[in-house]
Protein backbone atom coordinates (compact mmCIF):
# COMPACT_ATOMS: atom_id res chain seq x y z
CA UNK A 1 -52.39 47.80 18.00
CA UNK A 2 -53.30 51.07 18.84
CA UNK A 3 -56.77 52.22 18.91
CA UNK A 4 -58.27 56.14 18.64
CA UNK A 5 -61.50 57.45 18.05
CA UNK A 6 -63.22 60.16 16.54
CA UNK A 7 -66.19 61.62 17.69
CA UNK A 8 -69.07 63.94 16.56
CA UNK A 9 -72.43 64.78 15.23
CA UNK A 10 -73.93 63.95 11.33
CA UNK A 11 -72.39 66.79 10.29
CA UNK A 12 -69.30 67.99 11.85
CA UNK A 13 -66.42 66.97 9.82
CA UNK A 14 -65.49 63.43 11.01
CA UNK A 15 -64.64 61.75 7.20
CA UNK A 16 -62.89 64.94 5.80
CA UNK A 17 -60.66 65.24 9.15
CA UNK A 18 -59.51 61.62 8.91
CA UNK A 19 -59.56 61.65 5.18
CA UNK A 20 -56.81 63.90 5.95
CA UNK A 21 -54.80 62.71 8.69
CA UNK A 22 -54.28 59.05 6.99
CA UNK A 23 -51.86 60.02 4.43
CA UNK A 24 -49.90 61.86 7.11
CA UNK A 25 -49.83 58.87 9.26
CA UNK A 26 -48.73 56.52 6.19
CA UNK A 27 -46.25 58.86 5.82
CA UNK A 28 -45.16 58.72 9.11
CA UNK A 29 -44.58 54.84 8.22
CA UNK A 30 -47.51 53.74 10.12
CA UNK A 31 -50.26 50.96 9.21
CA UNK A 32 -53.22 52.32 9.56
CA UNK A 33 -57.00 50.84 9.52
CA UNK A 34 -60.72 51.75 10.06
CA UNK A 35 -63.48 50.71 11.47
CA UNK A 36 -66.58 53.18 9.92
CA UNK A 37 -69.55 53.00 12.40
CA UNK A 38 -72.71 53.61 10.24
CA UNK A 39 -76.40 54.55 11.66
CA UNK A 40 -78.28 53.35 8.66
CA UNK A 41 -78.58 50.43 6.09
CA UNK A 42 -75.23 50.48 3.65
CA UNK A 43 -74.42 48.28 0.70
CA UNK A 44 -71.03 48.37 -0.71
CA UNK A 45 -72.25 45.27 -3.50
CA UNK A 46 -74.44 46.25 -6.49
CA UNK A 47 -77.63 44.80 -8.10
CA UNK A 48 -77.07 42.29 -10.88
CA UNK A 49 -73.17 41.74 -9.56
CA UNK A 50 -72.81 38.08 -8.56
CA UNK A 51 -71.83 38.44 -5.20
CA UNK A 52 -75.12 39.92 -4.45
CA UNK A 53 -76.69 37.78 -6.56
CA UNK A 54 -75.34 34.63 -4.04
CA UNK A 55 -75.62 37.02 -1.01
CA UNK A 56 -79.57 37.54 -2.21
CA UNK A 57 -79.94 34.37 -2.70
CA UNK A 58 -79.23 33.58 1.09
CA UNK A 59 -75.34 33.69 1.83
CA UNK A 60 -74.34 34.63 5.04
CA UNK A 61 -71.08 35.59 3.84
CA UNK A 62 -69.36 36.46 0.26
CA UNK A 63 -65.55 37.08 -0.20
CA UNK A 64 -64.79 38.62 -3.34
CA UNK A 65 -60.76 38.49 -3.78
CA UNK A 66 -58.98 40.19 -6.94
CA UNK A 67 -55.48 40.67 -7.31
CA UNK A 68 -56.18 44.50 -5.57
CA UNK A 69 -57.73 43.97 -3.30
CA UNK A 70 -60.36 41.46 -0.88
CA UNK A 71 -63.79 41.59 1.22
CA UNK A 72 -65.97 39.80 3.08
CA UNK A 73 -69.56 40.99 3.19
CA UNK A 74 -71.63 39.36 6.15
CA UNK A 75 -75.49 39.29 6.57
CA UNK A 76 -76.35 39.75 10.01
CA UNK A 77 -79.78 38.14 8.88
CA UNK A 78 -81.53 39.31 12.31
CA UNK A 79 -78.24 38.37 14.34
CA UNK A 80 -77.05 41.64 16.87
CA UNK A 81 -74.55 43.54 15.10
CA UNK A 82 -70.88 42.75 16.18
CA UNK A 83 -69.93 44.88 19.80
CA UNK A 84 -66.76 47.06 18.57
CA UNK A 85 -64.64 44.55 20.63
CA UNK A 86 -65.96 41.89 18.10
CA UNK A 87 -65.28 44.20 15.32
CA UNK A 88 -61.66 45.62 16.40
CA UNK A 89 -60.94 41.55 16.67
CA UNK A 90 -61.53 41.19 12.94
CA UNK A 91 -58.90 43.30 11.75
CA UNK A 92 -55.90 42.59 11.18
CA UNK A 93 -52.49 43.88 12.80
CA UNK A 94 -51.80 47.36 12.26
CA UNK A 95 -49.78 50.28 14.08
CA UNK A 96 -52.84 52.68 14.33
CA UNK A 97 -56.50 51.57 13.98
CA UNK A 98 -59.62 54.71 13.90
CA UNK A 99 -62.60 54.13 14.80
CA UNK A 100 -65.11 56.45 13.13
CA UNK A 101 -68.39 57.04 15.26
CA UNK A 102 -69.31 54.53 18.25
CA UNK A 103 -69.15 57.87 20.21
CA UNK A 104 -70.72 56.48 23.32
CA UNK A 105 -67.83 53.77 23.43
CA UNK A 106 -65.19 54.23 25.81
CA UNK A 107 -61.94 54.65 23.91
CA UNK A 108 -59.73 57.57 23.91
CA UNK A 109 -61.00 60.24 21.04
CA UNK A 110 -60.90 63.44 19.29
CA UNK A 111 -64.20 65.23 19.34
CA UNK A 112 -65.29 67.01 16.02
CA UNK A 113 -67.19 70.09 16.92
CA UNK A 114 -68.91 72.75 14.45
CA UNK A 115 -71.13 75.14 15.62
CA UNK A 116 -73.37 75.64 13.04
CA UNK A 117 -74.70 71.97 13.48
CA UNK A 118 -76.14 73.32 16.52
CA UNK A 119 -76.09 70.32 18.40
CA UNK A 120 -74.67 69.88 22.62
CA UNK A 121 -70.59 69.60 22.80
CA UNK A 122 -70.01 65.61 23.81
CA UNK A 123 -66.57 65.47 25.77
CA UNK A 124 -68.23 67.25 28.99
CA UNK A 125 -70.34 64.11 29.21
CA UNK A 126 -67.86 61.70 27.70
CA UNK A 127 -64.59 61.21 29.84
CA UNK A 128 -62.94 59.37 27.17
CA UNK A 129 -63.08 62.11 24.96
CA UNK A 130 -59.22 63.38 24.90
CA UNK A 131 -59.36 66.51 22.72
CA UNK A 132 -61.24 68.95 20.85
CA UNK A 133 -60.93 69.64 17.50
CA UNK A 134 -63.40 72.88 15.90
CA UNK A 135 -63.82 75.31 13.70
CA UNK A 136 -64.61 77.73 16.52
CA UNK A 137 -62.86 79.02 19.74
CA UNK A 138 -64.26 76.85 22.80
CA UNK A 139 -63.74 77.61 26.76
CA UNK A 140 -62.21 73.98 27.41
CA UNK A 141 -58.95 72.36 29.83
CA UNK A 142 -58.99 69.69 26.90
CA UNK A 143 -56.03 70.13 24.20
CA UNK A 144 -58.09 72.40 21.60
CA UNK A 145 -57.15 72.06 17.51
CA UNK A 146 -58.44 74.36 14.36
CA UNK A 147 -60.60 71.51 12.79
CA UNK A 148 -58.31 72.12 9.83
CA UNK A 149 -54.64 72.03 11.45
CA UNK A 150 -54.09 68.25 10.06
CA UNK A 151 -50.93 68.30 11.71
CA UNK A 152 -50.88 69.77 14.87
CA UNK A 153 -54.04 67.03 15.27
CA UNK A 154 -51.64 64.19 14.25
CA UNK A 155 -48.69 65.51 16.31
CA UNK A 156 -51.27 64.94 19.38
CA UNK A 157 -52.66 61.58 18.05
CA UNK A 158 -49.27 60.05 17.31
CA UNK A 159 -48.03 61.33 20.99
CA UNK A 160 -51.44 60.54 22.37
CA UNK A 161 -50.65 57.28 21.38
CA UNK A 162 -47.16 56.81 22.14
CA UNK A 163 -46.49 56.40 18.72
CA UNK A 164 -44.40 59.83 18.20
């Protein structure tokens, strides 16, 4: 399983870029999965649903299964957030595992950067950033891509991971 990350400040366009890349990888016959790190509390369940009620009653894990999908919801209940390595170990085998967030983690990643965010570039301080996708020209020795050149970014990621 090849692992490739996307790093950037909030509002840089990581999710939009990944959303455009996934079908391009899938059309190449790759099985793709994703780990997304959230910096805030989130919930995929809804009040009133049986699974929500069971979690609220105290279950540590609730597994919901249907003919279309399944999900495991795990309540940390004071336990530490699992490391990225622990998260990766839980993912089913695939060809390419994309990681959104975890911008400080030592894995190869593409930085997504927008000038309008007013935030500094990450790559000068992060040796694991192997390319930059931006909405503006940048002076860099790293491979640089226009943020909307999805095919070039796809080809770079495939080539970097030996999947081309």
